[in-house]
Amino acid sequence: MPKVTFIMGDQVRTVEGKDGQSVLQIALDNGIGIEHACGGNGICTTCLCRVKEGKEHLGERTDREDMMGVTEDPERLSCQTIVHGGDVTVEVENY
């Protein structure tokens, strides 16, 4: 099971998730309240995160990310970012 480390200001928390889950879903399943105004549908940018480590363990950028202008690494929408087979560290501003 992949581990995702969330950096939220001066707070750092590492949790386990299931392979194939989004970063947002892993956060929510573990009581980490990332803001997601659109309900995790990829039509806002409130769940924006910055990938600090483990980019190689993430799925490809989605059309929804492109549509919302999230086109440059390290930024991703946590609701559209799928974790595959390894550990990831992300920084979150809206929590």
PDB file of N, CA and C in Angstrom:
ATOM      1  N   MET A   1       0.839  -1.183   0.000  1.00  0.00           N
ATOM      2  CA  MET A   1       0.000   0.000   0.000  1.00  0.00           C
ATOM      3  C   MET A   1       0.882   1.245   0.000  1.00  0.00           C
ATOM      4  N   PRO A   2       0.598   2.173  -0.901  1.00  0.00           N
ATOM      5  CA  PRO A   2       1.417   3.382  -0.949  1.00  0.00           C
ATOM      6  C   PRO A   2       1.167   4.275   0.260  1.00  0.00           C
ATOM      7  N   LYS A   3       2.189   5.009   0.632  1.00  0.00           N
ATOM      8  CA  LYS A   3       2.075   5.995   1.696  1.00  0.00           C
ATOM      9  C   LYS A   3       2.096   7.377   1.056  1.00  0.00           C
ATOM     10  N   VAL A   4       1.237   8.242   1.569  1.00  0.00           N
ATOM     11  CA  VAL A   4       1.203   9.625   1.102  1.00  0.00           C
ATOM     12  C   VAL A   4       1.485  10.519   2.303  1.00  0.00           C
ATOM     13  N   THR A   5       2.484  11.383   2.138  1.00  0.00           N
ATOM     14  CA  THR A   5       2.816  12.354   3.167  1.00  0.00           C
ATOM     15  C   THR A   5       2.225  13.689   2.758  1.00  0.00           C
ATOM     16  N   PHE A   6       1.432  14.270   3.651  1.00  0.00           N
ATOM     17  CA  PHE A   6       0.788  15.556   3.426  1.00  0.00           C
ATOM     18  C   PHE A   6       1.502  16.610   4.256  1.00  0.00           C
ATOM     19  N   ILE A   7       1.943  17.670   3.593  1.00  0.00           N
ATOM     20  CA  ILE A   7       2.544  18.818   4.277  1.00  0.00           C
ATOM     21  C   ILE A   7       1.507  19.931   4.236  1.00  0.00           C
ATOM     22  N   MET A   8       1.082  20.357   5.426  1.00  0.00           N
ATOM     23  CA  MET A   8       0.058  21.396   5.545  1.00  0.00           C
ATOM     24  C   MET A   8       0.583  22.441   6.520  1.00  0.00           C
ATOM     25  N   GLY A   9       1.214  23.476   5.986  1.00  0.00           N
ATOM     26  CA  GLY A   9       1.848  24.473   6.845  1.00  0.00           C
ATOM     27  C   GLY A   9       2.990  23.826   7.611  1.00  0.00           C
ATOM     28  N   ASP A  10       2.934  23.911   8.929  1.00  0.00           N
ATOM     29  CA  ASP A  10       3.983  23.297   9.747  1.00  0.00           C
ATOM     30  C   ASP A  10       3.603  21.897  10.220  1.00  0.00           C
ATOM     31  N   GLN A  11       2.490  21.383   9.725  1.00  0.00           N
ATOM     32  CA  GLN A  11       2.024  20.044  10.087  1.00  0.00           C
ATOM     33  C   GLN A  11       2.373  19.053   8.965  1.00  0.00           C
ATOM     34  N   VAL A  12       2.894  17.896   9.350  1.00  0.00           N
ATOM     35  CA  VAL A  12       3.216  16.834   8.392  1.00  0.00           C
ATOM     36  C   VAL A  12       2.557  15.546   8.872  1.00  0.00           C
ATOM     37  N   ARG A  13       1.869  14.889   7.951  1.00  0.00           N
ATOM     38  CA  ARG A  13       1.190  13.637   8.321  1.00  0.00           C
ATOM     39  C   ARG A  13       1.351  12.629   7.195  1.00  0.00           C
ATOM     40  N   THR A  14       1.753  11.411   7.544  1.00  0.00           N
ATOM     41  CA  THR A  14       1.912  10.330   6.576  1.00  0.00           C
ATOM     42  C   THR A  14       0.851   9.277   6.842  1.00  0.00           C
ATOM     43  N   VAL A  15       0.146   8.886   5.771  1.00  0.00           N
ATOM     44  CA  VAL A  15      -0.940   7.907   5.880  1.00  0.00           C
ATOM     45  C   VAL A  15      -0.802   6.875   4.765  1.00  0.00           C
ATOM     46  N   GLU A  16      -1.475   5.750   4.929  1.00  0.00           N
ATOM     47  CA  GLU A  16      -1.500   4.728   3.884  1.00  0.00           C
ATOM     48  C   GLU A  16      -2.762   4.870   3.058  1.00  0.00           C
ATOM     49  N   GLY A  17      -2.630   4.584   1.773  1.00  0.00           N
ATOM     50  CA  GLY A  17      -3.771   4.598   0.875  1.00  0.00           C
ATOM     51  C   GLY A  17      -3.785   3.329   0.053  1.00  0.00           C
ATOM     52  N   LYS A  18      -4.782   3.202  -0.780  1.00  0.00           N
ATOM     53  CA  LYS A  18      -4.880   2.054  -1.679  1.00  0.00           C
ATOM     54  C   LYS A  18      -4.371   2.451  -3.050  1.00  0.00           C
ATOM     55  N   ASP A  19      -3.674   1.536  -3.678  1.00  0.00           N
ATOM     56  CA  ASP A  19      -3.214   1.764  -5.036  1.00  0.00           C
ATOM     57  C   ASP A  19      -4.419   2.057  -5.922  1.00  0.00           C
ATOM     58  N   GLY A  20      -4.341   3.115  -6.733  1.00  0.00           N
ATOM     59  CA  GLY A  20      -5.433   3.487  -7.618  1.00  0.00           C
ATOM     60  C   GLY A  20      -6.370   4.545  -7.055  1.00  0.00           C
ATOM     61  N   GLN A  21      -6.153   4.963  -5.806  1.00  0.00           N
ATOM     62  CA  GLN A  21      -6.968   6.029  -5.213  1.00  0.00           C
ATOM     63  C   GLN A  21      -6.369   7.383  -5.549  1.00  0.00           C
ATOM     64  N   SER A  22      -7.225   8.412  -5.527  1.00  0.00           N
ATOM     65  CA  SER A  22      -6.730   9.775  -5.714  1.00  0.00           C
ATOM     66  C   SER A  22      -6.091  10.266  -4.419  1.00  0.00           C
ATOM     67  N   VAL A  23      -5.224  11.240  -4.554  1.00  0.00           N
ATOM     68  CA  VAL A  23      -4.610  11.868  -3.385  1.00  0.00           C
ATOM     69  C   VAL A  23      -5.700  12.432  -2.480  1.00  0.00           C
ATOM     70  N   LEU A  24      -6.722  13.053  -3.067  1.00  0.00           N
ATOM     71  CA  LEU A  24      -7.822  13.602  -2.269  1.00  0.00           C
ATOM     72  C   LEU A  24      -8.537  12.508  -1.493  1.00  0.00           C
ATOM     73  N   GLN A  25      -8.867  11.400  -2.122  1.00  0.00           N
ATOM     74  CA  GLN A  25      -9.596  10.333  -1.442  1.00  0.00           C
ATOM     75  C   GLN A  25      -8.766   9.730  -0.314  1.00  0.00           C
ATOM     76  N   ILE A  26      -7.469   9.576  -0.540  1.00  0.00           N
ATOM     77  CA  ILE A  26      -6.588   9.070   0.521  1.00  0.00           C
ATOM     78  C   ILE A  26      -6.613  10.025   1.708  1.00  0.00           C
ATOM     79  N   ALA A  27      -6.561  11.323   1.435  1.00  0.00           N
ATOM     80  CA  ALA A  27      -6.622  12.310   2.519  1.00  0.00           C
ATOM     81  C   ALA A  27      -7.933  12.189   3.288  1.00  0.00           C
ATOM     82  N   LEU A  28      -9.038  12.210   2.570  1.00  0.00           N
ATOM     83  CA  LEU A  28     -10.343  12.168   3.223  1.00  0.00           C
ATOM     84  C   LEU A  28     -10.549  10.881   4.008  1.00  0.00           C
ATOM     85  N   ASP A  29     -10.104   9.747   3.470  1.00  0.00           N
ATOM     86  CA  ASP A  29     -10.232   8.464   4.167  1.00  0.00           C
ATOM     87  C   ASP A  29      -9.458   8.432   5.473  1.00  0.00           C
ATOM     88  N   ASN A  30      -8.477   9.324   5.589  1.00  0.00           N
ATOM     89  CA  ASN A  30      -7.626   9.349   6.779  1.00  0.00           C
ATOM     90  C   ASN A  30      -7.845  10.596   7.629  1.00  0.00           C
ATOM     91  N   GLY A  31      -8.969  11.268   7.429  1.00  0.00           N
ATOM     92  CA  GLY A  31      -9.325  12.403   8.269  1.00  0.00           C
ATOM     93  C   GLY A  31      -8.558  13.679   7.991  1.00  0.00           C
ATOM     94  N   ILE A  32      -7.974  13.783   6.814  1.00  0.00           N
ATOM     95  CA  ILE A  32      -7.268  15.003   6.432  1.00  0.00           C
ATOM     96  C   ILE A  32      -8.200  15.801   5.545  1.00  0.00           C
ATOM     97  N   GLY A  33      -8.606  16.955   6.010  1.00  0.00           N
ATOM     98  CA  GLY A  33      -9.635  17.737   5.345  1.00  0.00           C
ATOM     99  C   GLY A  33      -9.119  18.691   4.298  1.00  0.00           C
ATOM    100  N   ILE A  34      -8.770  18.186   3.137  1.00  0.00           N
ATOM    101  CA  ILE A  34      -8.396  19.061   2.025  1.00  0.00           C
ATOM    102  C   ILE A  34      -9.669  19.686   1.459  1.00  0.00           C
ATOM    103  N   GLU A  35      -9.624  20.996   1.247  1.00  0.00           N
ATOM    104  CA  GLU A  35     -10.779  21.672   0.655  1.00  0.00           C
ATOM    105  C   GLU A  35     -11.012  21.145  -0.755  1.00  0.00           C
ATOM    106  N   HIS A  36     -12.277  20.939  -1.114  1.00  0.00           N
ATOM    107  CA  HIS A  36     -12.640  20.458  -2.455  1.00  0.00           C
ATOM    108  C   HIS A  36     -14.053  20.945  -2.773  1.00  0.00           C
ATOM    109  N   ALA A  37     -14.129  22.221  -3.145  1.00  0.00           N
ATOM    110  CA  ALA A  37     -15.414  22.912  -3.328  1.00  0.00           C
ATOM    111  C   ALA A  37     -16.311  22.242  -4.361  1.00  0.00           C
ATOM    112  N   CYS A  38     -15.728  21.597  -5.374  1.00  0.00           N
ATOM    113  CA  CYS A  38     -16.550  20.990  -6.426  1.00  0.00           C
ATOM    114  C   CYS A  38     -16.881  19.532  -6.127  1.00  0.00           C
ATOM    115  N   GLY A  39     -16.559  19.079  -4.942  1.00  0.00           N
ATOM    116  CA  GLY A  39     -16.845  17.698  -4.571  1.00  0.00           C
ATOM    117  C   GLY A  39     -15.879  16.691  -5.164  1.00  0.00           C
ATOM    118  N   GLY A  40     -14.720  17.155  -5.586  1.00  0.00           N
ATOM    119  CA  GLY A  40     -13.715  16.246  -6.147  1.00  0.00           C
ATOM    120  C   GLY A  40     -13.963  15.901  -7.607  1.00  0.00           C
ATOM    121  N   ASN A  41     -14.637  16.782  -8.320  1.00  0.00           N
ATOM    122  CA  ASN A  41     -14.960  16.530  -9.725  1.00  0.00           C
ATOM    123  C   ASN A  41     -14.013  17.192 -10.712  1.00  0.00           C
ATOM    124  N   GLY A  42     -12.984  17.872 -10.219  1.00  0.00           N
ATOM    125  CA  GLY A  42     -11.994  18.458 -11.108  1.00  0.00           C
ATOM    126  C   GLY A  42     -12.464  19.694 -11.845  1.00  0.00           C
ATOM    127  N   ILE A  43     -13.430  20.424 -11.274  1.00  0.00           N
ATOM    128  CA  ILE A  43     -13.910  21.630 -11.949  1.00  0.00           C
ATOM    129  C   ILE A  43     -13.696  22.888 -11.114  1.00  0.00           C
ATOM    130  N   CYS A  44     -12.781  22.816 -10.161  1.00  0.00           N
ATOM    131  CA  CYS A  44     -12.313  23.989  -9.428  1.00  0.00           C
ATOM    132  C   CYS A  44     -10.831  23.727  -9.128  1.00  0.00           C
ATOM    133  N   THR A  45     -10.216  24.588  -8.397  1.00  0.00           N
ATOM    134  CA  THR A  45      -8.805  24.352  -8.070  1.00  0.00           C
ATOM    135  C   THR A  45      -8.550  24.405  -6.568  1.00  0.00           C
ATOM    136  N   THR A  46      -9.596  24.221  -5.762  1.00  0.00           N
ATOM    137  CA  THR A  46      -9.412  24.345  -4.315  1.00  0.00           C
ATOM    138  C   THR A  46      -8.583  23.212  -3.721  1.00  0.00           C
ATOM    139  N   CYS A  47      -8.490  22.075  -4.396  1.00  0.00           N
ATOM    140  CA  CYS A  47      -7.709  20.944  -3.870  1.00  0.00           C
ATOM    141  C   CYS A  47      -6.302  20.892  -4.461  1.00  0.00           C
ATOM    142  N   LEU A  48      -5.856  22.008  -5.027  1.00  0.00           N
ATOM    143  CA  LEU A  48      -4.528  22.074  -5.638  1.00  0.00           C
ATOM    144  C   LEU A  48      -3.455  21.637  -4.649  1.00  0.00           C
ATOM    145  N   CYS A  49      -2.517  20.850  -5.113  1.00  0.00           N
ATOM    146  CA  CYS A  49      -1.379  20.440  -4.288  1.00  0.00           C
ATOM    147  C   CYS A  49      -0.106  20.551  -5.119  1.00  0.00           C
ATOM    148  N   ARG A  50       1.026  20.517  -4.435  1.00  0.00           N
ATOM    149  CA  ARG A  50       2.329  20.524  -5.096  1.00  0.00           C
ATOM    150  C   ARG A  50       3.030  19.212  -4.759  1.00  0.00           C
ATOM    151  N   VAL A  51       3.422  18.486  -5.778  1.00  0.00           N
ATOM    152  CA  VAL A  51       4.092  17.208  -5.576  1.00  0.00           C
ATOM    153  C   VAL A  51       5.553  17.484  -5.244  1.00  0.00           C
ATOM    154  N   LYS A  52       5.966  17.077  -4.054  1.00  0.00           N
ATOM    155  CA  LYS A  52       7.338  17.287  -3.591  1.00  0.00           C
ATOM    156  C   LYS A  52       8.222  16.087  -3.903  1.00  0.00           C
ATOM    157  N   GLU A  53       7.651  14.883  -3.779  1.00  0.00           N
ATOM    158  CA  GLU A  53       8.393  13.644  -4.042  1.00  0.00           C
ATOM    159  C   GLU A  53       7.434  12.596  -4.573  1.00  0.00           C
ATOM    160  N   GLY A  54       7.965  11.702  -5.403  1.00  0.00           N
ATOM    161  CA  GLY A  54       7.184  10.567  -5.864  1.00  0.00           C
ATOM    162  C   GLY A  54       6.360  10.801  -7.108  1.00  0.00           C
ATOM    163  N   LYS A  55       6.702  11.799  -7.896  1.00  0.00           N
ATOM    164  CA  LYS A  55       5.941  12.096  -9.116  1.00  0.00           C
ATOM    165  C   LYS A  55       5.813  10.875 -10.017  1.00  0.00           C
ATOM    166  N   GLU A  56       6.814  10.010  -9.987  1.00  0.00           N
ATOM    167  CA  GLU A  56       6.802   8.805 -10.825  1.00  0.00           C
ATOM    168  C   GLU A  56       5.742   7.792 -10.388  1.00  0.00           C
ATOM    169  N   HIS A  57       5.163   7.990  -9.207  1.00  0.00           N
ATOM    170  CA  HIS A  57       4.126   7.088  -8.694  1.00  0.00           C
ATOM    171  C   HIS A  57       2.718   7.648  -8.892  1.00  0.00           C
ATOM    172  N   LEU A  58       2.594   8.643  -9.748  1.00  0.00           N
ATOM    173  CA  LEU A  58       1.301   9.276  -9.992  1.00  0.00           C
ATOM    174  C   LEU A  58       0.848   9.036 -11.425  1.00  0.00           C
ATOM    175  N   GLY A  59      -0.463   8.959 -11.613  1.00  0.00           N
ATOM    176  CA  GLY A  59      -1.027   8.810 -12.941  1.00  0.00           C
ATOM    177  C   GLY A  59      -0.777  10.060 -13.780  1.00  0.00           C
ATOM    178  N   GLU A  60      -1.058   9.929 -15.051  1.00  0.00           N
ATOM    179  CA  GLU A  60      -0.895  11.040 -15.987  1.00  0.00           C
ATOM    180  C   GLU A  60      -1.851  12.183 -15.631  1.00  0.00           C
ATOM    181  N   ARG A  61      -1.442  13.373 -15.995  1.00  0.00           N
ATOM    182  CA  ARG A  61      -2.298  14.554 -15.832  1.00  0.00           C
ATOM    183  C   ARG A  61      -3.592  14.340 -16.634  1.00  0.00           C
ATOM    184  N   THR A  62      -4.726  14.750 -16.074  1.00  0.00           N
ATOM    185  CA  THR A  62      -6.014  14.514 -16.723  1.00  0.00           C
ATOM    186  C   THR A  62      -6.445  15.708 -17.566  1.00  0.00           C
ATOM    187  N   ASP A  63      -7.439  15.472 -18.408  1.00  0.00           N
ATOM    188  CA  ASP A  63      -8.021  16.551 -19.209  1.00  0.00           C
ATOM    189  C   ASP A  63      -8.631  17.626 -18.311  1.00  0.00           C
ATOM    190  N   ARG A  64      -9.174  17.216 -17.182  1.00  0.00           N
ATOM    191  CA  ARG A  64      -9.778  18.189 -16.256  1.00  0.00           C
ATOM    192  C   ARG A  64      -8.714  19.127 -15.694  1.00  0.00           C
ATOM    193  N   GLU A  65      -7.538  18.580 -15.400  1.00  0.00           N
ATOM    194  CA  GLU A  65      -6.454  19.441 -14.928  1.00  0.00           C
ATOM    195  C   GLU A  65      -6.072  20.438 -16.019  1.00  0.00           C
ATOM    196  N   ASP A  66      -5.942  19.957 -17.236  1.00  0.00           N
ATOM    197  CA  ASP A  66      -5.617  20.845 -18.355  1.00  0.00           C
ATOM    198  C   ASP A  66      -6.681  21.925 -18.511  1.00  0.00           C
ATOM    199  N   MET A  67      -7.953  21.541 -18.415  1.00  0.00           N
ATOM    200  CA  MET A  67      -9.071  22.471 -18.553  1.00  0.00           C
ATOM    201  C   MET A  67      -9.015  23.567 -17.480  1.00  0.00           C
ATOM    202  N   MET A  68      -8.555  23.213 -16.275  1.00  0.00           N
ATOM    203  CA  MET A  68      -8.495  24.166 -15.172  1.00  0.00           C
ATOM    204  C   MET A  68      -7.176  24.941 -15.139  1.00  0.00           C
ATOM    205  N   GLY A  69      -6.303  24.702 -16.118  1.00  0.00           N
ATOM    206  CA  GLY A  69      -5.043  25.440 -16.196  1.00  0.00           C
ATOM    207  C   GLY A  69      -3.944  24.907 -15.301  1.00  0.00           C
ATOM    208  N   VAL A  70      -4.129  23.707 -14.776  1.00  0.00           N
ATOM    209  CA  VAL A  70      -3.110  23.084 -13.922  1.00  0.00           C
ATOM    210  C   VAL A  70      -2.267  22.202 -14.836  1.00  0.00           C
ATOM    211  N   THR A  71      -1.292  22.833 -15.494  1.00  0.00           N
ATOM    212  CA  THR A  71      -0.556  22.160 -16.568  1.00  0.00           C
ATOM    213  C   THR A  71       0.933  22.024 -16.315  1.00  0.00           C
ATOM    214  N   GLU A  72       1.425  22.606 -15.237  1.00  0.00           N
ATOM    215  CA  GLU A  72       2.870  22.609 -14.972  1.00  0.00           C
ATOM    216  C   GLU A  72       3.182  21.872 -13.673  1.00  0.00           C
ATOM    217  N   ASP A  73       4.174  20.990 -13.733  1.00  0.00           N
ATOM    218  CA  ASP A  73       4.669  20.368 -12.506  1.00  0.00           C
ATOM    219  C   ASP A  73       5.323  21.450 -11.664  1.00  0.00           C
ATOM    220  N   PRO A  74       5.215  21.373 -10.367  1.00  0.00           N
ATOM    221  CA  PRO A  74       4.755  20.264  -9.545  1.00  0.00           C
ATOM    222  C   PRO A  74       3.273  20.326  -9.187  1.00  0.00           C
ATOM    223  N   GLU A  75       2.510  21.269  -9.753  1.00  0.00           N
ATOM    224  CA  GLU A  75       1.117  21.432  -9.349  1.00  0.00           C
ATOM    225  C   GLU A  75       0.217  20.371  -9.972  1.00  0.00           C
ATOM    226  N   ARG A  76      -0.709  19.866  -9.138  1.00  0.00           N
ATOM    227  CA  ARG A  76      -1.725  18.893  -9.563  1.00  0.00           C
ATOM    228  C   ARG A  76      -3.003  19.154  -8.774  1.00  0.00           C
ATOM    229  N   LEU A  77      -4.125  18.709  -9.325  1.00  0.00           N
ATOM    230  CA  LEU A  77      -5.373  18.690  -8.565  1.00  0.00           C
ATOM    231  C   LEU A  77      -5.404  17.379  -7.799  1.00  0.00           C
ATOM    232  N   SER A  78      -5.522  17.432  -6.486  1.00  0.00           N
ATOM    233  CA  SER A  78      -5.456  16.203  -5.701  1.00  0.00           C
ATOM    234  C   SER A  78      -6.603  15.249  -6.025  1.00  0.00           C
ATOM    235  N   CYS A  79      -7.744  15.779  -6.489  1.00  0.00           N
ATOM    236  CA  CYS A  79      -8.879  14.918  -6.829  1.00  0.00           C
ATOM    237  C   CYS A  79      -8.651  14.156  -8.132  1.00  0.00           C
ATOM    238  N   GLN A  80      -7.741  14.616  -8.961  1.00  0.00           N
ATOM    239  CA  GLN A  80      -7.479  13.997 -10.259  1.00  0.00           C
ATOM    240  C   GLN A  80      -6.160  13.224 -10.285  1.00  0.00           C
ATOM    241  N   THR A  81      -5.429  13.263  -9.187  1.00  0.00           N
ATOM    242  CA  THR A  81      -4.095  12.671  -9.123  1.00  0.00           C
ATOM    243  C   THR A  81      -4.173  11.292  -8.485  1.00  0.00           C
ATOM    244  N   ILE A  82      -3.958  10.266  -9.298  1.00  0.00           N
ATOM    245  CA  ILE A  82      -4.074   8.877  -8.852  1.00  0.00           C
ATOM    246  C   ILE A  82      -2.696   8.341  -8.471  1.00  0.00           C
ATOM    247  N   VAL A  83      -2.644   7.682  -7.308  1.00  0.00           N
ATOM    248  CA  VAL A  83      -1.398   7.113  -6.801  1.00  0.00           C
ATOM    249  C   VAL A  83      -1.280   5.667  -7.270  1.00  0.00           C
ATOM    250  N   HIS A  84      -0.125   5.335  -7.826  1.00  0.00           N
ATOM    251  CA  HIS A  84       0.140   3.983  -8.331  1.00  0.00           C
ATOM    252  C   HIS A  84       1.480   3.471  -7.819  1.00  0.00           C
ATOM    253  N   GLY A  85       1.460   2.518  -6.924  1.00  0.00           N
ATOM    254  CA  GLY A  85       2.616   1.702  -6.610  1.00  0.00           C
ATOM    255  C   GLY A  85       3.788   2.303  -5.875  1.00  0.00           C
ATOM    256  N   GLY A  86       3.633   3.419  -5.237  1.00  0.00           N
ATOM    257  CA  GLY A  86       4.764   3.950  -4.489  1.00  0.00           C
ATOM    258  C   GLY A  86       4.366   5.133  -3.628  1.00  0.00           C
ATOM    259  N   ASP A  87       5.328   5.602  -2.873  1.00  0.00           N
ATOM    260  CA  ASP A  87       5.087   6.670  -1.903  1.00  0.00           C
ATOM    261  C   ASP A  87       5.190   8.037  -2.552  1.00  0.00           C
ATOM    262  N   VAL A  88       4.403   8.969  -2.021  1.00  0.00           N
ATOM    263  CA  VAL A  88       4.295  10.316  -2.577  1.00  0.00           C
ATOM    264  C   VAL A  88       4.277  11.332  -1.420  1.00  0.00           C
ATOM    265  N   THR A  89       4.851  12.496  -1.659  1.00  0.00           N
ATOM    266  CA  THR A  89       4.756  13.605  -0.715  1.00  0.00           C
ATOM    267  C   THR A  89       4.159  14.796  -1.448  1.00  0.00           C
ATOM    268  N   VAL A  90       3.111  15.379  -0.856  1.00  0.00           N
ATOM    269  CA  VAL A  90       2.459  16.556  -1.449  1.00  0.00           C
ATOM    270  C   VAL A  90       2.330  17.655  -0.413  1.00  0.00           C
ATOM    271  N   GLU A  91       2.367  18.888  -0.900  1.00  0.00           N
ATOM    272  CA  GLU A  91       2.128  20.058  -0.064  1.00  0.00           C
ATOM    273  C   GLU A  91       0.750  20.610  -0.415  1.00  0.00           C
ATOM    274  N   VAL A  92      -0.039  20.868   0.608  1.00  0.00           N
ATOM    275  CA  VAL A  92      -1.423  21.326   0.424  1.00  0.00           C
ATOM    276  C   VAL A  92      -1.578  22.685   1.105  1.00  0.00           C
ATOM    277  N   GLU A  93      -2.204  23.632   0.405  1.00  0.00           N
ATOM    278  CA  GLU A  93      -2.441  24.952   0.999  1.00  0.00           C
ATOM    279  C   GLU A  93      -3.828  25.090   1.596  1.00  0.00           C
ATOM    280  N   ASN A  94      -4.848  24.509   0.946  1.00  0.00           N
ATOM    281  CA  ASN A  94      -6.240  24.668   1.392  1.00  0.00           C
ATOM    282  C   ASN A  94      -6.701  23.430   2.159  1.00  0.00           C
ATOM    283  N   TYR A  95      -6.628  23.531   3.463  1.00  0.00           N
ATOM    284  CA  TYR A  95      -7.023  22.391   4.304  1.00  0.00           C
ATOM    285  C   TYR A  95      -7.864  22.878   5.459  1.00  0.00           C
TER     286      TYR A  95
END
